[in-house]
Amino acid sequence: QVLLVESGGGLVQAGGSLRLSCAASGRTFSSYTMGWFRQAPGKEREFVAALRWIITYYADSVKGRFTISRDNAKNTVYLQMNSLKPEDTAVYYCAASRSGSSWYEAYEYDYWGQGTQVTVSS
């Protein structure tokens, strides 16, 4: 069992930055593929970024602006978000996958956090 707790969301102006954190329980954290997804009101949950071993993956909409990273010593994964846009407004979820072969698919992930709200004002 892995418990994920996100933090770092908030309100920011367009062009600003936020860093989301996701603290994970469990002794095998380093072996999991970690992902970030987001869900805006009235929309489906969508893939944002994933980190499988040392390889990173990003949605086209965030490539070049967002960076996913992890600190295995702290059992924490991060999402650095720069040059934020109003369309980035959503609830952001951290997720962990034992496999991660389909890292862009929500169904691939076994554990989910409760989500953190990110609001970008224009």
C-alpha atoms as a PDB file:
ATOM      1  CA  GLN A   1       0.000   0.000   0.000  1.00  0.00           C
ATOM      2  CA  VAL A   2       1.245   3.467  -0.932  1.00  0.00           C
ATOM      3  CA  LEU A   3      -0.220   6.643   0.508  1.00  0.00           C
ATOM      4  CA  LEU A   4       0.275   9.808  -1.548  1.00  0.00           C
ATOM      5  CA  VAL A   5      -0.217  13.323  -0.222  1.00  0.00           C
ATOM      6  CA  GLU A   6       0.065  16.331  -2.528  1.00  0.00           C
ATOM      7  CA  SER A   7       0.829  19.896  -1.500  1.00  0.00           C
ATOM      8  CA  GLY A   8       1.898  23.173  -3.056  1.00  0.00           C
ATOM      9  CA  GLY A   9      -1.189  24.158  -4.994  1.00  0.00           C
ATOM     10  CA  GLY A  10      -2.632  27.648  -4.872  1.00  0.00           C
ATOM     11  CA  LEU A  11      -3.567  30.770  -6.779  1.00  0.00           C
ATOM     12  CA  VAL A  12      -1.020  32.333  -9.102  1.00  0.00           C
ATOM     13  CA  GLN A  13      -1.073  34.892 -11.869  1.00  0.00           C
ATOM     14  CA  ALA A  14      -0.455  33.918 -15.469  1.00  0.00           C
ATOM     15  CA  GLY A  15       3.260  33.654 -16.125  1.00  0.00           C
ATOM     16  CA  GLY A  16       3.996  32.673 -12.548  1.00  0.00           C
ATOM     17  CA  SER A  17       5.347  29.459 -11.076  1.00  0.00           C
ATOM     18  CA  LEU A  18       4.352  26.836  -8.552  1.00  0.00           C
ATOM     19  CA  ARG A  19       5.996  23.674  -7.323  1.00  0.00           C
ATOM     20  CA  LEU A  20       3.808  20.764  -6.367  1.00  0.00           C
ATOM     21  CA  SER A  21       5.077  18.090  -4.019  1.00  0.00           C
ATOM     22  CA  CYS A  22       3.824  14.565  -3.511  1.00  0.00           C
ATOM     23  CA  ALA A  23       4.994  12.741  -0.403  1.00  0.00           C
ATOM     24  CA  ALA A  24       4.726   8.968  -0.559  1.00  0.00           C
ATOM     25  CA  SER A  25       4.728   6.305   2.101  1.00  0.00           C
ATOM     26  CA  GLY A  26       6.216   2.882   1.551  1.00  0.00           C
ATOM     27  CA  ARG A  27       9.679   1.436   1.350  1.00  0.00           C
ATOM     28  CA  THR A  28       9.603   0.668  -2.364  1.00  0.00           C
ATOM     29  CA  PHE A  29       8.917   4.208  -3.549  1.00  0.00           C
ATOM     30  CA  SER A  30      11.950   4.293  -5.812  1.00  0.00           C
ATOM     31  CA  SER A  31      10.659   1.389  -7.898  1.00  0.00           C
ATOM     32  CA  TYR A  32       7.366   3.049  -8.803  1.00  0.00           C
ATOM     33  CA  THR A  33       6.617   5.027 -11.906  1.00  0.00           C
ATOM     34  CA  MET A  34       5.290   8.363 -10.688  1.00  0.00           C
ATOM     35  CA  GLY A  35       2.866  10.495 -12.605  1.00  0.00           C
ATOM     36  CA  TRP A  36       0.991  13.753 -12.429  1.00  0.00           C
ATOM     37  CA  PHE A  37      -2.487  14.139 -13.866  1.00  0.00           C
ATOM     38  CA  ARG A  38      -4.936  17.017 -13.776  1.00  0.00           C
ATOM     39  CA  GLN A  39      -8.654  17.492 -14.058  1.00  0.00           C
ATOM     40  CA  ALA A  40     -10.356  20.758 -14.896  1.00  0.00           C
ATOM     41  CA  PRO A  41     -14.058  21.333 -14.199  1.00  0.00           C
ATOM     42  CA  GLY A  42     -16.224  19.546 -16.733  1.00  0.00           C
ATOM     43  CA  LYS A  43     -13.250  17.787 -18.319  1.00  0.00           C
ATOM     44  CA  GLU A  44     -11.734  14.348 -18.083  1.00  0.00           C
ATOM     45  CA  ARG A  45      -8.607  13.664 -16.115  1.00  0.00           C
ATOM     46  CA  GLU A  46      -5.574  14.136 -18.347  1.00  0.00           C
ATOM     47  CA  PHE A  47      -1.948  13.127 -18.262  1.00  0.00           C
ATOM     48  CA  VAL A  48       0.571  15.842 -17.395  1.00  0.00           C
ATOM     49  CA  ALA A  49       3.933  14.221 -16.680  1.00  0.00           C
ATOM     50  CA  ALA A  50       5.529  10.936 -15.649  1.00  0.00           C
ATOM     51  CA  LEU A  51       8.874   9.732 -14.399  1.00  0.00           C
ATOM     52  CA  ARG A  52       9.800   6.117 -15.074  1.00  0.00           C
ATOM     53  CA  TRP A  53      13.238   5.202 -13.762  1.00  0.00           C
ATOM     54  CA  ILE A  54      15.195   8.225 -15.033  1.00  0.00           C
ATOM     55  CA  ILE A  55      13.087   8.893 -18.100  1.00  0.00           C
ATOM     56  CA  THR A  56      10.622  11.758 -18.100  1.00  0.00           C
ATOM     57  CA  TYR A  57       7.490  12.126 -20.207  1.00  0.00           C
ATOM     58  CA  TYR A  58       5.315  15.183 -20.704  1.00  0.00           C
ATOM     59  CA  ALA A  59       2.044  16.121 -22.315  1.00  0.00           C
ATOM     60  CA  ASP A  60       2.571  18.395 -25.295  1.00  0.00           C
ATOM     61  CA  SER A  61       0.615  21.135 -23.550  1.00  0.00           C
ATOM     62  CA  VAL A  62       3.177  21.407 -20.732  1.00  0.00           C
ATOM     63  CA  LYS A  63       6.412  20.419 -22.460  1.00  0.00           C
ATOM     64  CA  GLY A  64       9.090  23.031 -21.889  1.00  0.00           C
ATOM     65  CA  ARG A  65       7.191  24.607 -18.988  1.00  0.00           C
ATOM     66  CA  PHE A  66       6.787  21.788 -16.441  1.00  0.00           C
ATOM     67  CA  THR A  67       9.450  19.546 -14.934  1.00  0.00           C
ATOM     68  CA  ILE A  68       8.890  16.340 -12.991  1.00  0.00           C
ATOM     69  CA  SER A  69      11.542  15.117 -10.594  1.00  0.00           C
ATOM     70  CA  ARG A  70      11.896  12.888  -7.556  1.00  0.00           C
ATOM     71  CA  ASP A  71      13.938  12.625  -4.413  1.00  0.00           C
ATOM     72  CA  ASN A  72      13.987   8.972  -3.403  1.00  0.00           C
ATOM     73  CA  ALA A  73      15.655   9.771  -0.093  1.00  0.00           C
ATOM     74  CA  LYS A  74      12.636  11.888   0.823  1.00  0.00           C
ATOM     75  CA  ASN A  75      10.059   9.646  -0.901  1.00  0.00           C
ATOM     76  CA  THR A  76       8.843  12.715  -2.735  1.00  0.00           C
ATOM     77  CA  VAL A  77       8.057  13.574  -6.336  1.00  0.00           C
ATOM     78  CA  TYR A  78       7.814  17.146  -7.553  1.00  0.00           C
ATOM     79  CA  LEU A  79       6.189  19.021 -10.396  1.00  0.00           C
ATOM     80  CA  GLN A  80       7.800  22.372 -11.105  1.00  0.00           C
ATOM     81  CA  MET A  81       5.393  24.473 -13.129  1.00  0.00           C
ATOM     82  CA  ASN A  82       6.655  27.611 -14.858  1.00  0.00           C
ATOM     83  CA  SER A  83       5.055  30.067 -17.259  1.00  0.00           C
ATOM     84  CA  LEU A  84       1.642  29.064 -16.008  1.00  0.00           C
ATOM     85  CA  LYS A  85      -1.396  29.765 -18.133  1.00  0.00           C
ATOM     86  CA  PRO A  86      -5.079  30.068 -17.211  1.00  0.00           C
ATOM     87  CA  GLU A  87      -5.702  26.800 -19.044  1.00  0.00           C
ATOM     88  CA  ASP A  88      -3.448  25.059 -16.520  1.00  0.00           C
ATOM     89  CA  THR A  89      -6.137  25.624 -13.892  1.00  0.00           C
ATOM     90  CA  ALA A  90      -7.190  22.231 -12.530  1.00  0.00           C
ATOM     91  CA  VAL A  91      -6.957  19.847  -9.631  1.00  0.00           C
ATOM     92  CA  TYR A  92      -3.594  18.143  -9.886  1.00  0.00           C
ATOM     93  CA  TYR A  93      -3.203  14.536  -8.806  1.00  0.00           C
ATOM     94  CA  CYS A  94      -0.104  12.541  -8.017  1.00  0.00           C
ATOM     95  CA  ALA A  95      -0.169   8.840  -8.864  1.00  0.00           C
ATOM     96  CA  ALA A  96       2.059   5.793  -8.482  1.00  0.00           C
ATOM     97  CA  SER A  97       2.287   2.780 -10.742  1.00  0.00           C
ATOM     98  CA  ARG A  98       3.998  -0.547 -10.072  1.00  0.00           C
ATOM     99  CA  SER A  99       4.352  -1.103 -13.816  1.00  0.00           C
ATOM    100  CA  GLY A 100       4.253   2.198 -15.629  1.00  0.00           C
ATOM    101  CA  SER A 101       4.417   0.697 -19.085  1.00  0.00           C
ATOM    102  CA  SER A 102       1.452   2.843 -20.154  1.00  0.00           C
ATOM    103  CA  TRP A 103       2.576   5.836 -18.160  1.00  0.00           C
ATOM    104  CA  TYR A 104       0.194   8.211 -19.971  1.00  0.00           C
ATOM    105  CA  GLU A 105      -2.939   6.272 -19.027  1.00  0.00           C
ATOM    106  CA  ALA A 106      -4.718   6.875 -15.719  1.00  0.00           C
ATOM    107  CA  TYR A 107      -5.750   3.212 -15.498  1.00  0.00           C
ATOM    108  CA  GLU A 108      -2.079   2.230 -15.312  1.00  0.00           C
ATOM    109  CA  TYR A 109      -1.720   3.795 -11.876  1.00  0.00           C
ATOM    110  CA  ASP A 110      -2.399   1.867  -8.700  1.00  0.00           C
ATOM    111  CA  TYR A 111      -2.388   4.639  -6.114  1.00  0.00           C
ATOM    112  CA  TRP A 112      -3.652   8.212  -6.163  1.00  0.00           C
ATOM    113  CA  GLY A 113      -3.391  11.245  -3.960  1.00  0.00           C
ATOM    114  CA  GLN A 114      -6.312  13.405  -2.954  1.00  0.00           C
ATOM    115  CA  GLY A 115      -5.412  16.219  -5.344  1.00  0.00           C
ATOM    116  CA  THR A 116      -4.346  19.829  -4.948  1.00  0.00           C
ATOM    117  CA  GLN A 117      -6.018  22.817  -6.605  1.00  0.00           C
ATOM    118  CA  VAL A 118      -4.037  25.024  -8.955  1.00  0.00           C
ATOM    119  CA  THR A 119      -5.713  28.211 -10.137  1.00  0.00           C
ATOM    120  CA  VAL A 120      -4.059  30.512 -12.660  1.00  0.00           C
ATOM    121  CA  SER A 121      -5.597  33.944 -13.061  1.00  0.00           C
ATOM    122  CA  SER A 122      -5.314  35.963 -16.254  1.00  0.00           C
END
